[in-house]
Each structure stands twice: as structure tokens, then as C-alpha cells.
Amino acid sequence: MEHLTHWKNQFNYDYLGAYSLPDGKDIILTLKETKKEMVTGANGQKSECFVAYFHENAKPMILNKTNCKTIEKLFNTPNIEEWVNKQIQIGSTRINAFGEMTDCLRVRPFAPKLSEERPTVQTGSVIWKNILDGLAGGYTVTQVLTKYKLTKEQIKELQKHEISSN
């Protein structure tokens, strides 16, 4: 089946939403940091929200209490500093919000399911650049290897970048 595009992808939203998931499938992201910040809603109203940023090339995600409780149980700690560099699996769920059924993001209450079929990466590709950016932001080669199948030469190259970014 061909890839279908959600209409919300035609607008420049600043944060991850259920429409961001490729073909509605779960994604696995690695927490880089969480912090409070002012967010402007669709109606122009500003409010302080708790936001998660990721090592991967993904938009940040506004974390609600439900998702924070799930992360706390998943990592067995309420301390946000201990969530850093840990992976979460994010999916879409339909909920009743304000009398209307809507899609929302939910952190899955289990450790991410890592595929045994890890894709290979071409040196110099967009994914390779994202990996290098992730290493510069604190991501580790070990974390990269959970997602991608790399050659020994690629691993050595990434280890050099990992060392130089620390």
C-alpha cells in the first residue's frame, strides 16, 4: 500500500502529534532532555507545558501527566534527570477529549520493541548525518547499534565522533 499523508502534516506544527507517526505505526525515540517551556496553542493562547526533546531528528513532544506517569513506571523513577538517554516507544490512541474523539500520542507502557531486522546505513546518508548529530547531542554508539546494523568501519568512525563530542 502506498504511503498516505495526514492533512495535519501540511501545516508547520512545532510539536510531535499523532499525525506525525509514519502510517500510524509506533516510533522509538531516545529522550535527550525534558523541560518546562511556554507553548502557543492553535488558538494563540500561551501556556506552560512540559516538553520532551529527543536525540533523533524528531519534533519535541508535549508530555501530559498520563505520559509522564507511564514514563515513571517504565523507568521505575519519578526523577526526570534519570529519564535522559532512555528510549520510549510512542504510539497513537483514540480518546474522548472535550466530548470529541481525537487521536493523541501515548508513551507505550513497555520497553521499546527493537526489530531484529536492523536496517543498514550508508555513510554520508541523511540517516548517517542524523546519527552524527545524535552523537554530538549525547547519544552513544551503543544506542545507535540497537537501531542500525553497522560495519566495523562505521562503528570505528562513530566512536571517534562520540569521543570528540564528550
N, C-alpha and C. Protein backbone atom coordinates (compact mmCIF):
# COMPACT_ATOMS: atom_id res chain seq x y z
N MET A 1 0.84 -1.18 0.00
CA MET A 1 0.00 0.00 0.00
C MET A 1 0.88 1.24 0.00
N GLU A 2 0.49 2.24 -0.72
CA GLU A 2 1.27 3.47 -0.78
C GLU A 2 1.17 4.24 0.53
N HIS A 3 2.15 5.08 0.79
CA HIS A 3 2.16 5.91 1.99
C HIS A 3 1.10 7.00 1.84
N LEU A 4 0.28 7.15 2.86
CA LEU A 4 -0.77 8.18 2.85
C LEU A 4 -0.36 9.31 3.79
N THR A 5 -0.75 10.53 3.45
CA THR A 5 -0.33 11.71 4.21
C THR A 5 -1.51 12.30 4.98
N HIS A 6 -1.34 12.45 6.29
CA HIS A 6 -2.36 13.08 7.13
C HIS A 6 -2.41 14.56 6.78
N TRP A 7 -3.60 15.14 6.76
CA TRP A 7 -3.74 16.55 6.39
C TRP A 7 -2.99 17.48 7.34
N LYS A 8 -2.84 17.09 8.59
CA LYS A 8 -2.15 17.96 9.54
C LYS A 8 -0.67 18.10 9.21
N ASN A 9 -0.12 17.17 8.43
CA ASN A 9 1.27 17.28 8.01
C ASN A 9 1.48 18.42 7.02
N GLN A 10 0.41 19.03 6.55
CA GLN A 10 0.52 20.14 5.61
C GLN A 10 0.72 21.48 6.31
N PHE A 11 0.73 21.46 7.63
CA PHE A 11 0.93 22.66 8.42
C PHE A 11 2.20 22.52 9.24
N ASN A 12 2.77 23.63 9.64
CA ASN A 12 4.04 23.61 10.36
C ASN A 12 3.80 23.61 11.86
N TYR A 13 3.43 22.46 12.39
CA TYR A 13 3.27 22.34 13.83
C TYR A 13 4.64 22.18 14.46
N ASP A 14 4.82 22.80 15.63
CA ASP A 14 6.13 22.78 16.29
C ASP A 14 6.38 21.51 17.10
N TYR A 15 5.30 20.78 17.39
CA TYR A 15 5.43 19.63 18.27
C TYR A 15 4.90 18.36 17.62
N LEU A 16 5.41 17.25 18.09
CA LEU A 16 5.01 15.94 17.62
C LEU A 16 3.53 15.73 17.92
N GLY A 17 2.82 15.12 16.99
CA GLY A 17 1.42 14.80 17.18
C GLY A 17 1.13 13.42 16.62
N ALA A 18 -0.06 12.90 16.87
CA ALA A 18 -0.43 11.57 16.37
C ALA A 18 -0.28 11.50 14.85
N TYR A 19 -0.53 12.60 14.18
CA TYR A 19 -0.40 12.67 12.71
C TYR A 19 1.06 12.51 12.26
N SER A 20 2.01 12.67 13.16
CA SER A 20 3.43 12.59 12.83
C SER A 20 3.92 11.15 12.66
N LEU A 21 3.16 10.20 13.16
CA LEU A 21 3.60 8.81 13.11
C LEU A 21 3.49 8.28 11.69
N PRO A 22 4.56 7.66 11.19
CA PRO A 22 4.54 7.16 9.82
C PRO A 22 3.52 6.04 9.65
N ASP A 23 2.50 6.28 8.85
CA ASP A 23 1.43 5.32 8.59
C ASP A 23 0.79 4.82 9.88
N GLY A 24 0.78 5.67 10.91
CA GLY A 24 0.15 5.31 12.18
C GLY A 24 0.92 4.31 13.01
N LYS A 25 2.15 3.99 12.61
CA LYS A 25 2.96 3.00 13.33
C LYS A 25 3.73 3.67 14.47
N ASP A 26 3.97 2.90 15.52
CA ASP A 26 4.74 3.39 16.66
C ASP A 26 6.15 3.79 16.22
N ILE A 27 6.72 4.73 16.97
CA ILE A 27 8.11 5.12 16.76
C ILE A 27 8.87 4.97 18.08
N ILE A 28 10.16 4.77 17.97
CA ILE A 28 11.02 4.66 19.14
C ILE A 28 11.96 5.85 19.14
N LEU A 29 11.95 6.61 20.24
CA LEU A 29 12.80 7.79 20.36
C LEU A 29 13.57 7.73 21.67
N THR A 30 14.70 8.43 21.70
CA THR A 30 15.56 8.46 22.88
C THR A 30 15.50 9.85 23.51
N LEU A 31 15.12 9.89 24.77
CA LEU A 31 14.98 11.17 25.47
C LEU A 31 16.34 11.87 25.62
N LYS A 32 16.37 13.11 25.19
CA LYS A 32 17.58 13.93 25.32
C LYS A 32 17.46 14.84 26.54
N GLU A 33 16.29 15.47 26.68
CA GLU A 33 16.03 16.31 27.85
C GLU A 33 14.54 16.58 27.95
N THR A 34 14.12 16.97 29.15
CA THR A 34 12.75 17.39 29.36
C THR A 34 12.80 18.71 30.10
N LYS A 35 11.87 19.62 29.76
CA LYS A 35 11.87 20.91 30.44
C LYS A 35 10.52 21.60 30.25
N LYS A 36 10.24 22.54 31.14
CA LYS A 36 9.04 23.35 31.01
C LYS A 36 9.34 24.50 30.05
N GLU A 37 8.35 24.83 29.23
CA GLU A 37 8.50 25.98 28.35
C GLU A 37 7.13 26.51 27.95
N MET A 38 7.10 27.75 27.50
CA MET A 38 5.86 28.36 27.05
C MET A 38 5.52 27.85 25.66
N VAL A 39 4.28 27.40 25.50
CA VAL A 39 3.81 26.84 24.24
C VAL A 39 2.59 27.64 23.80
N THR A 40 2.56 28.00 22.52
CA THR A 40 1.41 28.70 21.97
C THR A 40 0.51 27.68 21.29
N GLY A 41 -0.73 27.60 21.76
CA GLY A 41 -1.69 26.65 21.21
C GLY A 41 -2.26 27.13 19.88
N ALA A 42 -3.07 26.28 19.26
CA ALA A 42 -3.68 26.59 17.96
C ALA A 42 -4.55 27.83 18.03
N ASN A 43 -5.11 28.10 19.23
CA ASN A 43 -5.96 29.28 19.40
C ASN A 43 -5.17 30.54 19.76
N GLY A 44 -3.83 30.43 19.79
CA GLY A 44 -2.98 31.57 20.10
C GLY A 44 -2.73 31.75 21.58
N GLN A 45 -3.39 30.97 22.43
CA GLN A 45 -3.22 31.08 23.86
C GLN A 45 -1.90 30.43 24.29
N LYS A 46 -1.16 31.11 25.16
CA LYS A 46 0.12 30.58 25.64
C LYS A 46 -0.08 29.89 26.98
N SER A 47 0.62 28.78 27.15
CA SER A 47 0.58 28.08 28.43
C SER A 47 1.91 27.38 28.65
N GLU A 48 2.24 27.18 29.91
CA GLU A 48 3.48 26.49 30.23
C GLU A 48 3.24 24.99 30.15
N CYS A 49 4.08 24.29 29.39
CA CYS A 49 3.95 22.85 29.20
C CYS A 49 5.27 22.17 29.51
N PHE A 50 5.18 20.88 29.74
CA PHE A 50 6.35 20.05 29.97
C PHE A 50 6.67 19.37 28.64
N VAL A 51 7.88 19.57 28.13
CA VAL A 51 8.23 19.16 26.77
C VAL A 51 9.43 18.22 26.79
N ALA A 52 9.36 17.17 25.98
CA ALA A 52 10.46 16.22 25.82
C ALA A 52 11.15 16.50 24.49
N TYR A 53 12.48 16.50 24.52
CA TYR A 53 13.30 16.62 23.31
C TYR A 53 14.04 15.31 23.13
N PHE A 54 14.33 14.97 21.87
CA PHE A 54 14.88 13.67 21.54
C PHE A 54 16.22 13.79 20.81
N HIS A 55 17.04 12.75 20.94
CA HIS A 55 18.31 12.70 20.22
C HIS A 55 18.08 12.56 18.72
N GLU A 56 17.04 11.82 18.34
CA GLU A 56 16.74 11.62 16.93
C GLU A 56 16.21 12.91 16.32
N ASN A 57 16.23 12.96 15.02
CA ASN A 57 15.74 14.12 14.28
C ASN A 57 14.21 14.09 14.29
N ALA A 58 13.62 14.46 15.42
CA ALA A 58 12.16 14.46 15.59
C ALA A 58 11.75 15.73 16.31
N LYS A 59 10.52 16.15 16.05
CA LYS A 59 10.00 17.32 16.76
C LYS A 59 9.88 16.98 18.24
N PRO A 60 9.92 18.00 19.11
CA PRO A 60 9.71 17.73 20.53
C PRO A 60 8.26 17.32 20.78
N MET A 61 8.02 16.71 21.92
CA MET A 61 6.69 16.22 22.28
C MET A 61 6.25 16.83 23.59
N ILE A 62 5.04 17.37 23.61
CA ILE A 62 4.48 17.87 24.86
C ILE A 62 4.04 16.66 25.68
N LEU A 63 4.54 16.58 26.91
CA LEU A 63 4.21 15.46 27.77
C LEU A 63 3.08 15.84 28.72
N ASN A 64 2.02 15.09 28.68
CA ASN A 64 0.94 15.31 29.64
C ASN A 64 1.18 14.41 30.86
N LYS A 65 0.32 14.51 31.86
CA LYS A 65 0.51 13.73 33.08
C LYS A 65 0.42 12.23 32.82
N THR A 66 -0.48 11.83 31.93
CA THR A 66 -0.63 10.41 31.61
C THR A 66 0.68 9.84 31.07
N ASN A 67 1.30 10.55 30.12
CA ASN A 67 2.57 10.07 29.55
C ASN A 67 3.70 10.12 30.58
N CYS A 68 3.71 11.14 31.44
CA CYS A 68 4.75 11.21 32.48
C CYS A 68 4.62 10.04 33.46
N LYS A 69 3.39 9.69 33.84
CA LYS A 69 3.19 8.55 34.74
C LYS A 69 3.65 7.25 34.09
N THR A 70 3.40 7.12 32.80
CA THR A 70 3.84 5.92 32.08
C THR A 70 5.37 5.85 32.07
N ILE A 71 6.03 6.98 31.79
CA ILE A 71 7.50 7.00 31.77
C ILE A 71 8.05 6.68 33.15
N GLU A 72 7.42 7.24 34.19
CA GLU A 72 7.86 6.97 35.56
C GLU A 72 7.81 5.46 35.85
N LYS A 73 6.72 4.80 35.47
CA LYS A 73 6.60 3.36 35.70
C LYS A 73 7.58 2.58 34.84
N LEU A 74 7.76 3.02 33.61
CA LEU A 74 8.65 2.33 32.67
C LEU A 74 10.09 2.32 33.17
N PHE A 75 10.55 3.46 33.68
CA PHE A 75 11.94 3.58 34.13
C PHE A 75 12.09 3.43 35.64
N ASN A 76 10.97 3.20 36.32
CA ASN A 76 10.97 2.99 37.77
C ASN A 76 11.57 4.17 38.54
N THR A 77 11.31 5.39 38.05
CA THR A 77 11.78 6.57 38.75
C THR A 77 10.93 7.79 38.36
N PRO A 78 10.59 8.62 39.34
CA PRO A 78 9.87 9.85 39.03
C PRO A 78 10.81 11.00 38.66
N ASN A 79 12.10 10.77 38.74
CA ASN A 79 13.09 11.83 38.54
C ASN A 79 13.42 11.99 37.06
N ILE A 80 13.08 13.17 36.52
CA ILE A 80 13.24 13.39 35.08
C ILE A 80 14.69 13.32 34.62
N GLU A 81 15.62 13.62 35.51
CA GLU A 81 17.03 13.54 35.13
C GLU A 81 17.44 12.10 34.81
N GLU A 82 16.75 11.14 35.40
CA GLU A 82 17.07 9.72 35.18
C GLU A 82 16.39 9.16 33.94
N TRP A 83 15.59 9.98 33.26
CA TRP A 83 14.94 9.56 32.02
C TRP A 83 15.84 9.82 30.82
N VAL A 84 16.84 10.68 30.97
CA VAL A 84 17.71 11.09 29.87
C VAL A 84 18.44 9.89 29.29
N ASN A 85 18.54 9.88 27.95
CA ASN A 85 19.21 8.83 27.17
C ASN A 85 18.51 7.48 27.23
N LYS A 86 17.26 7.46 27.65
CA LYS A 86 16.48 6.22 27.65
C LYS A 86 15.47 6.27 26.51
N GLN A 87 15.15 5.09 25.99
CA GLN A 87 14.25 5.01 24.85
C GLN A 87 12.82 4.77 25.28
N ILE A 88 11.90 5.41 24.55
CA ILE A 88 10.47 5.19 24.75
C ILE A 88 9.85 4.85 23.40
N GLN A 89 8.78 4.10 23.45
CA GLN A 89 8.02 3.79 22.24
C GLN A 89 6.74 4.61 22.30
N ILE A 90 6.48 5.34 21.22
CA ILE A 90 5.34 6.26 21.17
C ILE A 90 4.37 5.79 20.10
N GLY A 91 3.09 5.75 20.46
CA GLY A 91 2.07 5.36 19.51
C GLY A 91 0.87 6.28 19.60
N SER A 92 -0.11 6.00 18.79
CA SER A 92 -1.32 6.81 18.73
C SER A 92 -2.49 6.04 19.32
N THR A 93 -3.34 6.76 20.04
CA THR A 93 -4.53 6.19 20.64
C THR A 93 -5.69 7.16 20.47
N ARG A 94 -6.88 6.63 20.29
CA ARG A 94 -8.08 7.49 20.21
C ARG A 94 -8.66 7.65 21.60
N ILE A 95 -8.92 8.89 21.97
CA ILE A 95 -9.51 9.18 23.28
C ILE A 95 -10.68 10.15 23.11
N ASN A 96 -11.49 10.22 24.14
CA ASN A 96 -12.58 11.19 24.17
C ASN A 96 -12.06 12.41 24.93
N ALA A 97 -11.87 13.50 24.22
CA ALA A 97 -11.38 14.73 24.84
C ALA A 97 -12.38 15.85 24.56
N PHE A 98 -12.92 16.41 25.61
CA PHE A 98 -13.86 17.53 25.48
C PHE A 98 -15.07 17.14 24.62
N GLY A 99 -15.54 15.91 24.79
CA GLY A 99 -16.73 15.45 24.08
C GLY A 99 -16.51 15.05 22.63
N GLU A 100 -15.26 14.94 22.22
CA GLU A 100 -14.96 14.61 20.83
C GLU A 100 -13.87 13.54 20.79
N MET A 101 -14.01 12.56 19.90
CA MET A 101 -12.98 11.54 19.74
C MET A 101 -11.82 12.13 18.94
N THR A 102 -10.63 11.97 19.48
CA THR A 102 -9.44 12.53 18.83
C THR A 102 -8.25 11.60 19.00
N ASP A 103 -7.29 11.71 18.10
CA ASP A 103 -6.07 10.92 18.19
C ASP A 103 -5.08 11.65 19.09
N CYS A 104 -4.38 10.90 19.92
CA CYS A 104 -3.35 11.52 20.77
C CYS A 104 -2.15 10.57 20.85
N LEU A 105 -1.02 11.14 21.26
CA LEU A 105 0.20 10.34 21.44
C LEU A 105 0.21 9.73 22.83
N ARG A 106 0.65 8.50 22.90
CA ARG A 106 0.81 7.82 24.18
C ARG A 106 2.16 7.12 24.21
N VAL A 107 2.86 7.29 25.32
CA VAL A 107 4.07 6.52 25.56
C VAL A 107 3.59 5.13 25.92
N ARG A 108 4.10 4.13 25.22
CA ARG A 108 3.69 2.75 25.48
C ARG A 108 4.25 2.30 26.82
N PRO A 109 3.47 1.53 27.59
CA PRO A 109 3.90 1.14 28.94
C PRO A 109 4.83 -0.07 28.97
N PHE A 110 5.65 -0.22 27.94
CA PHE A 110 6.60 -1.33 27.89
C PHE A 110 7.87 -0.85 27.21
N ALA A 111 8.94 -1.60 27.44
CA ALA A 111 10.22 -1.26 26.79
C ALA A 111 10.03 -1.32 25.28
N PRO A 112 10.68 -0.44 24.54
CA PRO A 112 10.53 -0.44 23.08
C PRO A 112 10.86 -1.80 22.47
N LYS A 113 10.05 -2.16 21.49
CA LYS A 113 10.29 -3.40 20.76
C LYS A 113 11.30 -3.11 19.65
N LEU A 114 12.50 -3.60 19.83
CA LEU A 114 13.54 -3.38 18.83
C LEU A 114 13.48 -4.49 17.81
N SER A 115 13.44 -4.11 16.58
CA SER A 115 13.36 -5.07 15.49
C SER A 115 14.67 -5.84 15.36
N GLU A 116 14.55 -7.13 15.15
CA GLU A 116 15.75 -7.95 14.89
C GLU A 116 16.35 -7.57 13.54
N GLU A 117 15.50 -7.10 12.66
CA GLU A 117 15.95 -6.69 11.33
C GLU A 117 16.35 -5.22 11.38
N ARG A 118 17.53 -4.95 11.87
CA ARG A 118 18.00 -3.57 11.93
C ARG A 118 18.46 -3.16 10.53
N PRO A 119 18.04 -1.98 10.09
CA PRO A 119 18.45 -1.53 8.76
C PRO A 119 19.93 -1.15 8.73
N THR A 120 20.54 -1.32 7.56
CA THR A 120 21.91 -0.85 7.36
C THR A 120 21.86 0.63 7.04
N VAL A 121 22.98 1.30 7.23
CA VAL A 121 23.07 2.74 7.00
C VAL A 121 24.23 3.01 6.04
N GLN A 122 23.97 3.84 5.06
CA GLN A 122 25.03 4.24 4.14
C GLN A 122 25.76 5.45 4.72
N THR A 123 27.07 5.39 4.78
CA THR A 123 27.86 6.53 5.24
C THR A 123 27.57 7.72 4.32
N GLY A 124 27.31 8.88 4.93
CA GLY A 124 27.01 10.08 4.16
C GLY A 124 25.53 10.29 3.90
N SER A 125 24.67 9.31 4.24
CA SER A 125 23.22 9.45 4.02
C SER A 125 22.60 10.39 5.06
N VAL A 126 21.34 10.69 4.87
CA VAL A 126 20.62 11.54 5.83
C VAL A 126 20.58 10.86 7.20
N ILE A 127 20.35 9.56 7.21
CA ILE A 127 20.33 8.83 8.49
C ILE A 127 21.70 8.91 9.16
N TRP A 128 22.77 8.77 8.36
CA TRP A 128 24.14 8.88 8.91
C TRP A 128 24.34 10.24 9.55
N LYS A 129 23.88 11.30 8.88
CA LYS A 129 24.01 12.66 9.43
C LYS A 129 23.22 12.78 10.73
N ASN A 130 22.01 12.19 10.77
CA ASN A 130 21.21 12.22 12.00
C ASN A 130 21.92 11.49 13.14
N ILE A 131 22.60 10.39 12.81
CA ILE A 131 23.35 9.65 13.82
C ILE A 131 24.48 10.52 14.37
N LEU A 132 25.21 11.19 13.47
CA LEU A 132 26.31 12.08 13.91
C LEU A 132 25.77 13.21 14.78
N ASP A 133 24.63 13.78 14.39
CA ASP A 133 24.00 14.83 15.20
C ASP A 133 23.63 14.29 16.58
N GLY A 134 23.10 13.06 16.60
CA GLY A 134 22.74 12.44 17.87
C GLY A 134 23.94 12.23 18.77
N LEU A 135 25.06 11.80 18.19
CA LEU A 135 26.29 11.62 18.97
C LEU A 135 26.77 12.94 19.54
N ALA A 136 26.66 14.00 18.76
CA ALA A 136 27.06 15.33 19.24
C ALA A 136 26.16 15.78 20.39
N GLY A 137 24.92 15.28 20.41
CA GLY A 137 23.98 15.65 21.45
C GLY A 137 23.97 14.72 22.65
N GLY A 138 24.89 13.75 22.70
CA GLY A 138 24.98 12.88 23.86
C GLY A 138 24.53 11.44 23.63
N TYR A 139 24.04 11.14 22.44
CA TYR A 139 23.65 9.78 22.09
C TYR A 139 24.92 8.93 22.04
N THR A 140 24.83 7.64 22.31
CA THR A 140 26.01 6.79 22.32
C THR A 140 26.01 5.82 21.14
N VAL A 141 27.18 5.30 20.81
CA VAL A 141 27.30 4.31 19.74
C VAL A 141 26.50 3.06 20.11
N THR A 142 26.52 2.69 21.37
CA THR A 142 25.75 1.54 21.83
C THR A 142 24.27 1.71 21.51
N GLN A 143 23.75 2.92 21.72
CA GLN A 143 22.34 3.19 21.41
C GLN A 143 22.09 3.10 19.91
N VAL A 144 23.04 3.59 19.12
CA VAL A 144 22.90 3.52 17.66
C VAL A 144 22.81 2.07 17.21
N LEU A 145 23.64 1.21 17.82
CA LEU A 145 23.67 -0.20 17.43
C LEU A 145 22.38 -0.95 17.76
N THR A 146 21.57 -0.41 18.66
CA THR A 146 20.28 -1.06 18.94
C THR A 146 19.30 -0.81 17.80
N LYS A 147 19.57 0.21 16.98
CA LYS A 147 18.64 0.58 15.91
C LYS A 147 19.14 0.24 14.51
N TYR A 148 20.47 0.24 14.33
CA TYR A 148 21.03 0.07 12.99
C TYR A 148 22.12 -0.99 12.96
N LYS A 149 22.22 -1.66 11.82
CA LYS A 149 23.30 -2.62 11.58
C LYS A 149 24.42 -1.83 10.91
N LEU A 150 25.60 -1.81 11.54
CA LEU A 150 26.73 -1.03 11.03
C LEU A 150 27.93 -1.92 10.76
N THR A 151 28.78 -1.48 9.84
CA THR A 151 30.03 -2.18 9.58
C THR A 151 31.03 -1.83 10.68
N LYS A 152 32.10 -2.63 10.79
CA LYS A 152 33.14 -2.33 11.77
C LYS A 152 33.76 -0.96 11.51
N GLU A 153 33.91 -0.62 10.24
CA GLU A 153 34.49 0.68 9.88
C GLU A 153 33.57 1.83 10.32
N GLN A 154 32.27 1.65 10.12
CA GLN A 154 31.32 2.68 10.54
C GLN A 154 31.32 2.84 12.06
N ILE A 155 31.42 1.73 12.78
CA ILE A 155 31.44 1.79 14.24
C ILE A 155 32.68 2.55 14.71
N LYS A 156 33.83 2.26 14.11
CA LYS A 156 35.07 2.98 14.47
C LYS A 156 34.93 4.47 14.21
N GLU A 157 34.34 4.83 13.07
CA GLU A 157 34.13 6.24 12.72
C GLU A 157 33.21 6.91 13.74
N LEU A 158 32.13 6.25 14.11
CA LEU A 158 31.19 6.82 15.08
C LEU A 158 31.84 6.95 16.46
N GLN A 159 32.68 5.98 16.82
CA GLN A 159 33.36 6.06 18.12
C GLN A 159 34.26 7.29 18.18
N LYS A 160 34.89 7.65 17.06
CA LYS A 160 35.71 8.87 17.02
C LYS A 160 34.83 10.10 17.28
N HIS A 161 33.66 10.14 16.66
CA HIS A 161 32.73 11.26 16.85
C HIS A 161 32.20 11.30 18.28
N GLU A 162 31.95 10.12 18.84
CA GLU A 162 31.43 10.04 20.21
C GLU A 162 32.46 10.60 21.18
N ILE A 163 33.72 10.24 21.00
CA ILE A 163 34.80 10.70 21.87
C ILE A 163 35.01 12.21 21.73
N SER A 164 34.98 12.71 20.49
CA SER A 164 35.23 14.13 20.27
C SER A 164 34.09 15.02 20.77
N SER A 165 32.88 14.45 20.92
CA SER A 165 31.76 15.27 21.37
C SER A 165 31.65 15.29 22.90
N ASN A 166 32.43 14.43 23.57
CA ASN A 166 32.39 14.41 25.04
C ASN A 166 33.41 15.32 25.66
